[in-house]
């Protein structure tokens, strides 16, 4: 497999995972009763994965965008969400 194909597959898989995390927590927060907390262990795991994906996307954007990291997070998030739309819905 070519390096570009591998990088594309990895990027799409990471974007899909980040989008799945957002969907899971949005659904949990929208349907949960105010006193029903989220599973703290699952939330911590999801937070670590989502943060790593968003940091990686921001680092990639840094090659073309010289703005500070704290200014790139929103663009990085949008790119991750756009990539997730391109990713196949396979587990």
PDB file of N, CA and C in Angstrom:
ATOM      1  N   UNK A   1       0.848  -1.176   0.000  1.00  0.00           N
ATOM      2  CA  UNK A   1       0.000   0.000   0.000  1.00  0.00           C
ATOM      3  C   UNK A   1       0.894   1.240   0.000  1.00  0.00           C
ATOM      4  N   UNK A   2       0.547   2.194  -0.826  1.00  0.00           N
ATOM      5  CA  UNK A   2       1.320   3.433  -0.891  1.00  0.00           C
ATOM      6  C   UNK A   2       1.118   4.243   0.380  1.00  0.00           C
ATOM      7  N   UNK A   3       2.112   5.042   0.701  1.00  0.00           N
ATOM      8  CA  UNK A   3       2.036   5.868   1.912  1.00  0.00           C
ATOM      9  C   UNK A   3       0.856   6.831   1.864  1.00  0.00           C
ATOM     10  N   UNK A   4       0.565   7.375   0.682  1.00  0.00           N
ATOM     11  CA  UNK A   4      -0.560   8.307   0.563  1.00  0.00           C
ATOM     12  C   UNK A   4      -1.890   7.608   0.824  1.00  0.00           C
ATOM     13  N   UNK A   5      -2.013   6.375   0.314  1.00  0.00           N
ATOM     14  CA  UNK A   5      -3.249   5.617   0.549  1.00  0.00           C
ATOM     15  C   UNK A   5      -3.417   5.300   2.030  1.00  0.00           C
ATOM     16  N   UNK A   6      -2.316   4.930   2.664  1.00  0.00           N
ATOM     17  CA  UNK A   6      -2.361   4.618   4.090  1.00  0.00           C
ATOM     18  C   UNK A   6      -2.720   5.860   4.904  1.00  0.00           C
ATOM     19  N   UNK A   7      -2.106   6.989   4.570  1.00  0.00           N
ATOM     20  CA  UNK A   7      -2.407   8.236   5.277  1.00  0.00           C
ATOM     21  C   UNK A   7      -3.865   8.641   5.071  1.00  0.00           C
ATOM     22  N   UNK A   8      -4.378   8.463   3.859  1.00  0.00           N
ATOM     23  CA  UNK A   8      -5.779   8.794   3.592  1.00  0.00           C
ATOM     24  C   UNK A   8      -6.714   7.898   4.400  1.00  0.00           C
ATOM     25  N   UNK A   9      -6.440   6.605   4.396  1.00  0.00           N
ATOM     26  CA  UNK A   9      -7.285   5.671   5.148  1.00  0.00           C
ATOM     27  C   UNK A   9      -7.258   5.974   6.638  1.00  0.00           C
ATOM     28  N   UNK A  10      -6.080   6.265   7.154  1.00  0.00           N
ATOM     29  CA  UNK A  10      -5.940   6.588   8.572  1.00  0.00           C
ATOM     30  C   UNK A  10      -6.670   7.879   8.915  1.00  0.00           C
ATOM     31  N   UNK A  11      -6.498   8.903   8.094  1.00  0.00           N
ATOM     32  CA  UNK A  11      -7.171  10.178   8.335  1.00  0.00           C
ATOM     33  C   UNK A  11      -8.685  10.051   8.321  1.00  0.00           C
ATOM     34  N   UNK A  12      -9.209   9.293   7.355  1.00  0.00           N
ATOM     35  CA  UNK A  12     -10.652   9.097   7.282  1.00  0.00           C
ATOM     36  C   UNK A  12     -11.173   8.314   8.485  1.00  0.00           C
ATOM     37  N   UNK A  13     -10.415   7.297   8.904  1.00  0.00           N
ATOM     38  CA  UNK A  13     -10.838   6.509  10.071  1.00  0.00           C
ATOM     39  C   UNK A  13     -10.837   7.353  11.343  1.00  0.00           C
ATOM     40  N   UNK A  14      -9.823   8.186  11.509  1.00  0.00           N
ATOM     41  CA  UNK A  14      -9.765   9.052  12.690  1.00  0.00           C
ATOM     42  C   UNK A  14     -10.891  10.079  12.679  1.00  0.00           C
ATOM     43  N   UNK A  15     -11.169  10.636  11.518  1.00  0.00           N
ATOM     44  CA  UNK A  15     -12.262  11.606  11.413  1.00  0.00           C
ATOM     45  C   UNK A  15     -13.603  10.940  11.730  1.00  0.00           C
ATOM     46  N   UNK A  16     -13.804   9.727  11.218  1.00  0.00           N
ATOM     47  CA  UNK A  16     -15.059   9.007  11.499  1.00  0.00           C
ATOM     48  C   UNK A  16     -15.187   8.724  12.994  1.00  0.00           C
ATOM     49  N   UNK A  17     -14.082   8.347  13.627  1.00  0.00           N
ATOM     50  CA  UNK A  17     -14.110   8.060  15.073  1.00  0.00           C
ATOM     51  C   UNK A  17     -14.465   9.321  15.864  1.00  0.00           C
ATOM     52  N   UNK A  18     -13.860  10.447  15.505  1.00  0.00           N
ATOM     53  CA  UNK A  18     -14.154  11.708  16.196  1.00  0.00           C
ATOM     54  C   UNK A  18     -15.614  12.094  16.014  1.00  0.00           C
ATOM     55  N   UNK A  19     -16.139  11.905  14.824  1.00  0.00           N
ATOM     56  CA  UNK A  19     -17.540  12.236  14.565  1.00  0.00           C
ATOM     57  C   UNK A  19     -18.468  11.311  15.345  1.00  0.00           C
ATOM     58  N   UNK A  20     -18.117  10.044  15.435  1.00  0.00           N
ATOM     59  CA  UNK A  20     -18.913   9.102  16.230  1.00  0.00           C
ATOM     60  C   UNK A  20     -18.948   9.514  17.704  1.00  0.00           C
ATOM     61  N   UNK A  21     -17.824   9.986  18.211  1.00  0.00           N
ATOM     62  CA  UNK A  21     -17.757  10.448  19.603  1.00  0.00           C
ATOM     63  C   UNK A  21     -18.680  11.646  19.802  1.00  0.00           C
ATOM     64  N   UNK A  22     -18.623  12.601  18.878  1.00  0.00           N
ATOM     65  CA  UNK A  22     -19.514  13.762  18.986  1.00  0.00           C
ATOM     66  C   UNK A  22     -20.981  13.337  18.936  1.00  0.00           C
ATOM     67  N   UNK A  23     -21.307  12.443  18.026  1.00  0.00           N
ATOM     68  CA  UNK A  23     -22.693  11.970  17.909  1.00  0.00           C
ATOM     69  C   UNK A  23     -23.151  11.264  19.180  1.00  0.00           C
ATOM     70  N   UNK A  24     -22.293  10.414  19.735  1.00  0.00           N
ATOM     71  CA  UNK A  24     -22.656   9.665  20.938  1.00  0.00           C
ATOM     72  C   UNK A  24     -22.947  10.612  22.104  1.00  0.00           C
ATOM     73  N   UNK A  25     -22.100  11.607  22.295  1.00  0.00           N
ATOM     74  CA  UNK A  25     -22.296  12.511  23.429  1.00  0.00           C
ATOM     75  C   UNK A  25     -23.435  13.489  23.189  1.00  0.00           C
ATOM     76  N   UNK A  26     -23.649  13.871  21.951  1.00  0.00           N
ATOM     77  CA  UNK A  26     -24.789  14.738  21.664  1.00  0.00           C
ATOM     78  C   UNK A  26     -26.081  13.987  21.960  1.00  0.00           C
ATOM     79  N   UNK A  27     -26.163  12.733  21.535  1.00  0.00           N
ATOM     80  CA  UNK A  27     -27.355  11.932  21.792  1.00  0.00           C
ATOM     81  C   UNK A  27     -27.549  11.700  23.288  1.00  0.00           C
ATOM     82  N   UNK A  28     -26.463  11.428  23.993  1.00  0.00           N
ATOM     83  CA  UNK A  28     -26.561  11.181  25.434  1.00  0.00           C
ATOM     84  C   UNK A  28     -27.011  12.440  26.174  1.00  0.00           C
ATOM     85  N   UNK A  29     -26.479  13.586  25.794  1.00  0.00           N
ATOM     86  CA  UNK A  29     -26.852  14.830  26.471  1.00  0.00           C
ATOM     87  C   UNK A  29     -28.271  15.263  26.114  1.00  0.00           C
ATOM     88  N   UNK A  30     -28.700  14.986  24.902  1.00  0.00           N
ATOM     89  CA  UNK A  30     -30.036  15.390  24.478  1.00  0.00           C
ATOM     90  C   UNK A  30     -31.122  14.519  25.090  1.00  0.00           C
ATOM     91  N   UNK A  31     -30.813  13.244  25.351  1.00  0.00           N
ATOM     92  CA  UNK A  31     -31.846  12.342  25.846  1.00  0.00           C
ATOM     93  C   UNK A  31     -31.764  12.096  27.348  1.00  0.00           C
ATOM     94  N   UNK A  32     -30.672  12.451  27.961  1.00  0.00           N
ATOM     95  CA  UNK A  32     -30.497  12.154  29.386  1.00  0.00           C
ATOM     96  C   UNK A  32     -31.313  13.106  30.241  1.00  0.00           C
ATOM     97  N   UNK A  33     -31.791  12.575  31.329  1.00  0.00           N
ATOM     98  CA  UNK A  33     -32.443  13.423  32.324  1.00  0.00           C
ATOM     99  C   UNK A  33     -31.359  14.293  32.964  1.00  0.00           C
ATOM    100  N   UNK A  34     -31.702  15.470  33.465  1.00  0.00           N
ATOM    101  CA  UNK A  34     -30.688  16.355  34.039  1.00  0.00           C
ATOM    102  C   UNK A  34     -29.845  15.712  35.131  1.00  0.00           C
ATOM    103  N   UNK A  35     -30.391  14.730  35.819  1.00  0.00           N
ATOM    104  CA  UNK A  35     -29.638  14.114  36.909  1.00  0.00           C
ATOM    105  C   UNK A  35     -28.960  12.805  36.492  1.00  0.00           C
ATOM    106  N   UNK A  36     -29.045  12.425  35.206  1.00  0.00           N
ATOM    107  CA  UNK A  36     -28.415  11.189  34.732  1.00  0.00           C
ATOM    108  C   UNK A  36     -27.046  11.518  34.141  1.00  0.00           C
ATOM    109  N   UNK A  37     -25.969  11.261  34.897  1.00  0.00           N
ATOM    110  CA  UNK A  37     -24.635  11.611  34.397  1.00  0.00           C
ATOM    111  C   UNK A  37     -24.153  10.635  33.328  1.00  0.00           C
ATOM    112  N   UNK A  38     -23.225  11.117  32.502  1.00  0.00           N
ATOM    113  CA  UNK A  38     -22.567  10.255  31.532  1.00  0.00           C
ATOM    114  C   UNK A  38     -21.578   9.359  32.266  1.00  0.00           C
ATOM    115  N   UNK A  39     -21.257   8.222  31.668  1.00  0.00           N
ATOM    116  CA  UNK A  39     -20.264   7.321  32.238  1.00  0.00           C
ATOM    117  C   UNK A  39     -18.904   8.031  32.233  1.00  0.00           C
ATOM    118  N   UNK A  40     -18.337   8.317  33.402  1.00  0.00           N
ATOM    119  CA  UNK A  40     -17.089   9.083  33.456  1.00  0.00           C
ATOM    120  C   UNK A  40     -15.924   8.386  32.761  1.00  0.00           C
ATOM    121  N   UNK A  41     -15.845   7.063  32.842  1.00  0.00           N
ATOM    122  CA  UNK A  41     -14.743   6.347  32.204  1.00  0.00           C
ATOM    123  C   UNK A  41     -14.855   6.442  30.679  1.00  0.00           C
ATOM    124  N   UNK A  42     -16.071   6.266  30.157  1.00  0.00           N
ATOM    125  CA  UNK A  42     -16.262   6.372  28.709  1.00  0.00           C
ATOM    126  C   UNK A  42     -16.005   7.793  28.238  1.00  0.00           C
ATOM    127  N   UNK A  43     -16.466   8.774  29.020  1.00  0.00           N
ATOM    128  CA  UNK A  43     -16.244  10.163  28.648  1.00  0.00           C
ATOM    129  C   UNK A  43     -14.747  10.485  28.621  1.00  0.00           C
ATOM    130  N   UNK A  44     -13.991  10.005  29.597  1.00  0.00           N
ATOM    131  CA  UNK A  44     -12.544  10.259  29.644  1.00  0.00           C
ATOM    132  C   UNK A  44     -11.845   9.636  28.442  1.00  0.00           C
ATOM    133  N   UNK A  45     -12.238   8.420  28.087  1.00  0.00           N
ATOM    134  CA  UNK A  45     -11.649   7.761  26.919  1.00  0.00           C
ATOM    135  C   UNK A  45     -11.985   8.521  25.647  1.00  0.00           C
ATOM    136  N   UNK A  46     -13.256   8.865  25.479  1.00  0.00           N
ATOM    137  CA  UNK A  46     -13.682   9.618  24.305  1.00  0.00           C
ATOM    138  C   UNK A  46     -12.985  10.968  24.227  1.00  0.00           C
ATOM    139  N   UNK A  47     -12.851  11.636  25.353  1.00  0.00           N
ATOM    140  CA  UNK A  47     -12.194  12.944  25.389  1.00  0.00           C
ATOM    141  C   UNK A  47     -10.735  12.833  24.949  1.00  0.00           C
ATOM    142  N   UNK A  48     -10.049  11.803  25.407  1.00  0.00           N
ATOM    143  CA  UNK A  48      -8.646  11.624  25.036  1.00  0.00           C
ATOM    144  C   UNK A  48      -8.504  11.366  23.534  1.00  0.00           C
ATOM    145  N   UNK A  49      -9.364  10.513  23.000  1.00  0.00           N
ATOM    146  CA  UNK A  49      -9.309  10.205  21.569  1.00  0.00           C
ATOM    147  C   UNK A  49      -9.656  11.439  20.745  1.00  0.00           C
ATOM    148  N   UNK A  50     -10.747  12.112  21.109  1.00  0.00           N
ATOM    149  CA  UNK A  50     -11.178  13.288  20.354  1.00  0.00           C
ATOM    150  C   UNK A  50     -10.117  14.383  20.388  1.00  0.00           C
ATOM    151  N   UNK A  51      -9.528  14.600  21.547  1.00  0.00           N
ATOM    152  CA  UNK A  51      -8.483  15.613  21.675  1.00  0.00           C
ATOM    153  C   UNK A  51      -7.275  15.274  20.808  1.00  0.00           C
ATOM    154  N   UNK A  52      -6.881  14.006  20.782  1.00  0.00           N
ATOM    155  CA  UNK A  52      -5.737  13.590  19.962  1.00  0.00           C
ATOM    156  C   UNK A  52      -6.019  13.807  18.476  1.00  0.00           C
ATOM    157  N   UNK A  53      -7.224  13.472  18.034  1.00  0.00           N
ATOM    158  CA  UNK A  53      -7.583  13.660  16.628  1.00  0.00           C
ATOM    159  C   UNK A  53      -7.597  15.144  16.285  1.00  0.00           C
ATOM    160  N   UNK A  54      -8.184  15.957  17.136  1.00  0.00           N
ATOM    161  CA  UNK A  54      -8.256  17.396  16.878  1.00  0.00           C
ATOM    162  C   UNK A  54      -6.868  18.031  16.907  1.00  0.00           C
ATOM    163  N   UNK A  55      -6.020  17.598  17.820  1.00  0.00           N
ATOM    164  CA  UNK A  55      -4.639  18.109  17.861  1.00  0.00           C
ATOM    165  C   UNK A  55      -3.877  17.738  16.595  1.00  0.00           C
ATOM    166  N   UNK A  56      -4.062  16.516  16.118  1.00  0.00           N
ATOM    167  CA  UNK A  56      -3.386  16.081  14.896  1.00  0.00           C
ATOM    168  C   UNK A  56      -3.869  16.890  13.695  1.00  0.00           C
ATOM    169  N   UNK A  57      -5.170  17.138  13.631  1.00  0.00           N
ATOM    170  CA  UNK A  57      -5.711  17.945  12.537  1.00  0.00           C
ATOM    171  C   UNK A  57      -5.163  19.367  12.600  1.00  0.00           C
ATOM    172  N   UNK A  58      -5.074  19.919  13.780  1.00  0.00           N
ATOM    173  CA  UNK A  58      -4.524  21.269  13.947  1.00  0.00           C
ATOM    174  C   UNK A  58      -3.054  21.316  13.540  1.00  0.00           C
ATOM    175  N   UNK A  59      -2.300  20.284  13.897  1.00  0.00           N
ATOM    176  CA  UNK A  59      -0.889  20.225  13.503  1.00  0.00           C
ATOM    177  C   UNK A  59      -0.748  20.155  11.987  1.00  0.00           C
ATOM    178  N   UNK A  60      -1.621  19.404  11.339  1.00  0.00           N
ATOM    179  CA  UNK A  60      -1.581  19.334   9.868  1.00  0.00           C
ATOM    180  C   UNK A  60      -1.895  20.698   9.258  1.00  0.00           C
ATOM    181  N   UNK A  61      -2.882  21.376   9.814  1.00  0.00           N
ATOM    182  CA  UNK A  61      -3.235  22.705   9.308  1.00  0.00           C
ATOM    183  C   UNK A  61      -2.109  23.711   9.520  1.00  0.00           C
ATOM    184  N   UNK A  62      -1.302  23.502  10.530  1.00  0.00           N
ATOM    185  CA  UNK A  62      -0.218  24.437  10.838  1.00  0.00           C
ATOM    186  C   UNK A  62       0.783  24.551   9.695  1.00  0.00           C
ATOM    187  N   UNK A  63       0.840  23.542   8.855  1.00  0.00           N
ATOM    188  CA  UNK A  63       1.763  23.597   7.707  1.00  0.00           C
ATOM    189  C   UNK A  63       1.367  24.684   6.722  1.00  0.00           C
ATOM    190  N   UNK A  64       0.069  25.006   6.651  1.00  0.00           N
ATOM    191  CA  UNK A  64      -0.416  26.012   5.710  1.00  0.00           C
ATOM    192  C   UNK A  64      -0.964  27.255   6.399  1.00  0.00           C
ATOM    193  N   UNK A  65      -1.209  27.167   7.703  1.00  0.00           N
ATOM    194  CA  UNK A  65      -1.824  28.267   8.446  1.00  0.00           C
ATOM    195  C   UNK A  65      -0.913  28.661   9.602  1.00  0.00           C
ATOM    196  N   UNK A  66      -0.273  29.825   9.519  1.00  0.00           N
ATOM    197  CA  UNK A  66       0.676  30.222  10.561  1.00  0.00           C
ATOM    198  C   UNK A  66       0.028  30.776  11.835  1.00  0.00           C
ATOM    199  N   UNK A  67      -1.294  30.809  11.889  1.00  0.00           N
ATOM    200  CA  UNK A  67      -1.945  31.378  13.075  1.00  0.00           C
ATOM    201  C   UNK A  67      -1.689  30.492  14.297  1.00  0.00           C
ATOM    202  N   UNK A  68      -1.831  31.051  15.495  1.00  0.00           N
ATOM    203  CA  UNK A  68      -1.596  30.284  16.721  1.00  0.00           C
ATOM    204  C   UNK A  68      -2.548  29.097  16.836  1.00  0.00           C
ATOM    205  N   UNK A  69      -2.100  28.078  17.543  1.00  0.00           N
ATOM    206  CA  UNK A  69      -2.875  26.852  17.718  1.00  0.00           C
ATOM    207  C   UNK A  69      -4.275  27.135  18.234  1.00  0.00           C
ATOM    208  N   UNK A  70      -4.391  28.023  19.213  1.00  0.00           N
ATOM    209  CA  UNK A  70      -5.709  28.296  19.794  1.00  0.00           C
ATOM    210  C   UNK A  70      -6.659  28.953  18.793  1.00  0.00           C
ATOM    211  N   UNK A  71      -6.125  29.503  17.709  1.00  0.00           N
ATOM    212  CA  UNK A  71      -6.972  30.097  16.678  1.00  0.00           C
ATOM    213  C   UNK A  71      -7.347  29.099  15.582  1.00  0.00           C
ATOM    214  N   UNK A  72      -6.658  27.957  15.525  1.00  0.00           N
ATOM    215  CA  UNK A  72      -6.898  26.967  14.473  1.00  0.00           C
ATOM    216  C   UNK A  72      -7.874  25.872  14.870  1.00  0.00           C
ATOM    217  N   UNK A  73      -8.255  25.769  16.133  1.00  0.00           N
ATOM    218  CA  UNK A  73      -9.049  24.617  16.578  1.00  0.00           C
ATOM    219  C   UNK A  73     -10.384  24.524  15.858  1.00  0.00           C
ATOM    220  N   UNK A  74     -11.016  25.645  15.602  1.00  0.00           N
ATOM    221  CA  UNK A  74     -12.323  25.631  14.943  1.00  0.00           C
ATOM    222  C   UNK A  74     -12.188  25.135  13.502  1.00  0.00           C
ATOM    223  N   UNK A  75     -11.174  25.620  12.787  1.00  0.00           N
ATOM    224  CA  UNK A  75     -10.938  25.129  11.427  1.00  0.00           C
ATOM    225  C   UNK A  75     -10.611  23.646  11.441  1.00  0.00           C
ATOM    226  N   UNK A  76      -9.802  23.224  12.401  1.00  0.00           N
ATOM    227  CA  UNK A  76      -9.454  21.803  12.506  1.00  0.00           C
ATOM    228  C   UNK A  76     -10.709  20.970  12.732  1.00  0.00           C
ATOM    229  N   UNK A  77     -11.592  21.427  13.600  1.00  0.00           N
ATOM    230  CA  UNK A  77     -12.833  20.700  13.860  1.00  0.00           C
ATOM    231  C   UNK A  77     -13.684  20.612  12.600  1.00  0.00           C
ATOM    232  N   UNK A  78     -13.802  21.699  11.873  1.00  0.00           N
ATOM    233  CA  UNK A  78     -14.595  21.677  10.642  1.00  0.00           C
ATOM    234  C   UNK A  78     -14.008  20.707   9.623  1.00  0.00           C
ATOM    235  N   UNK A  79     -12.692  20.688   9.484  1.00  0.00           N
ATOM    236  CA  UNK A  79     -12.062  19.752   8.554  1.00  0.00           C
ATOM    237  C   UNK A  79     -12.278  18.302   8.986  1.00  0.00           C
ATOM    238  N   UNK A  80     -12.205  18.044  10.267  1.00  0.00           N
ATOM    239  CA  UNK A  80     -12.449  16.683  10.764  1.00  0.00           C
ATOM    240  C   UNK A  80     -13.887  16.268  10.449  1.00  0.00           C
ATOM    241  N   UNK A  81     -14.837  17.153  10.666  1.00  0.00           N
ATOM    242  CA  UNK A  81     -16.238  16.834  10.375  1.00  0.00           C
ATOM    243  C   UNK A  81     -16.469  16.625   8.877  1.00  0.00           C
ATOM    244  N   UNK A  82     -15.820  17.435   8.045  1.00  0.00           N
ATOM    245  CA  UNK A  82     -15.940  17.254   6.602  1.00  0.00           C
ATOM    246  C   UNK A  82     -15.327  15.926   6.164  1.00  0.00           C
ATOM    247  N   UNK A  83     -14.177  15.584   6.714  1.00  0.00           N
ATOM    248  CA  UNK A  83     -13.555  14.296   6.391  1.00  0.00           C
ATOM    249  C   UNK A  83     -14.432  13.136   6.828  1.00  0.00           C
ATOM    250  N   UNK A  84     -15.072  13.266   7.964  1.00  0.00           N
ATOM    251  CA  UNK A  84     -15.933  12.193   8.460  1.00  0.00           C
ATOM    252  C   UNK A  84     -17.077  11.902   7.498  1.00  0.00           C
ATOM    253  N   UNK A  85     -17.542  12.923   6.791  1.00  0.00           N
ATOM    254  CA  UNK A  85     -18.595  12.719   5.804  1.00  0.00           C
ATOM    255  C   UNK A  85     -18.101  11.877   4.630  1.00  0.00           C
ATOM    256  N   UNK A  86     -16.811  11.912   4.348  1.00  0.00           N
ATOM    257  CA  UNK A  86     -16.238  11.145   3.250  1.00  0.00           C
ATOM    258  C   UNK A  86     -15.897   9.722   3.646  1.00  0.00           C
ATOM    259  N   UNK A  87     -15.799   9.476   4.935  1.00  0.00           N
ATOM    260  CA  UNK A  87     -15.375   8.155   5.421  1.00  0.00           C
ATOM    261  C   UNK A  87     -16.510   7.148   5.285  1.00  0.00           C
ATOM    262  N   UNK A  88     -16.158   5.931   4.914  1.00  0.00           N
ATOM    263  CA  UNK A  88     -17.203   4.893   4.869  1.00  0.00           C
ATOM    264  C   UNK A  88     -17.727   4.587   6.257  1.00  0.00           C
ATOM    265  N   UNK A  89     -18.953   4.144   6.329  1.00  0.00           N
ATOM    266  CA  UNK A  89     -19.594   3.846   7.615  1.00  0.00           C
ATOM    267  C   UNK A  89     -19.287   2.422   8.083  1.00  0.00           C
ATOM    268  N   UNK A  90     -18.047   2.025   8.002  1.00  0.00           N
ATOM    269  CA  UNK A  90     -17.651   0.702   8.464  1.00  0.00           C
ATOM    270  C   UNK A  90     -17.064   0.814   9.862  1.00  0.00           C
ATOM    271  N   UNK A  91     -17.258  -0.201  10.675  1.00  0.00           N
ATOM    272  CA  UNK A  91     -16.747  -0.145  12.056  1.00  0.00           C
ATOM    273  C   UNK A  91     -15.240  -0.186  12.120  1.00  0.00           C
TER     274      UNK A  91
END
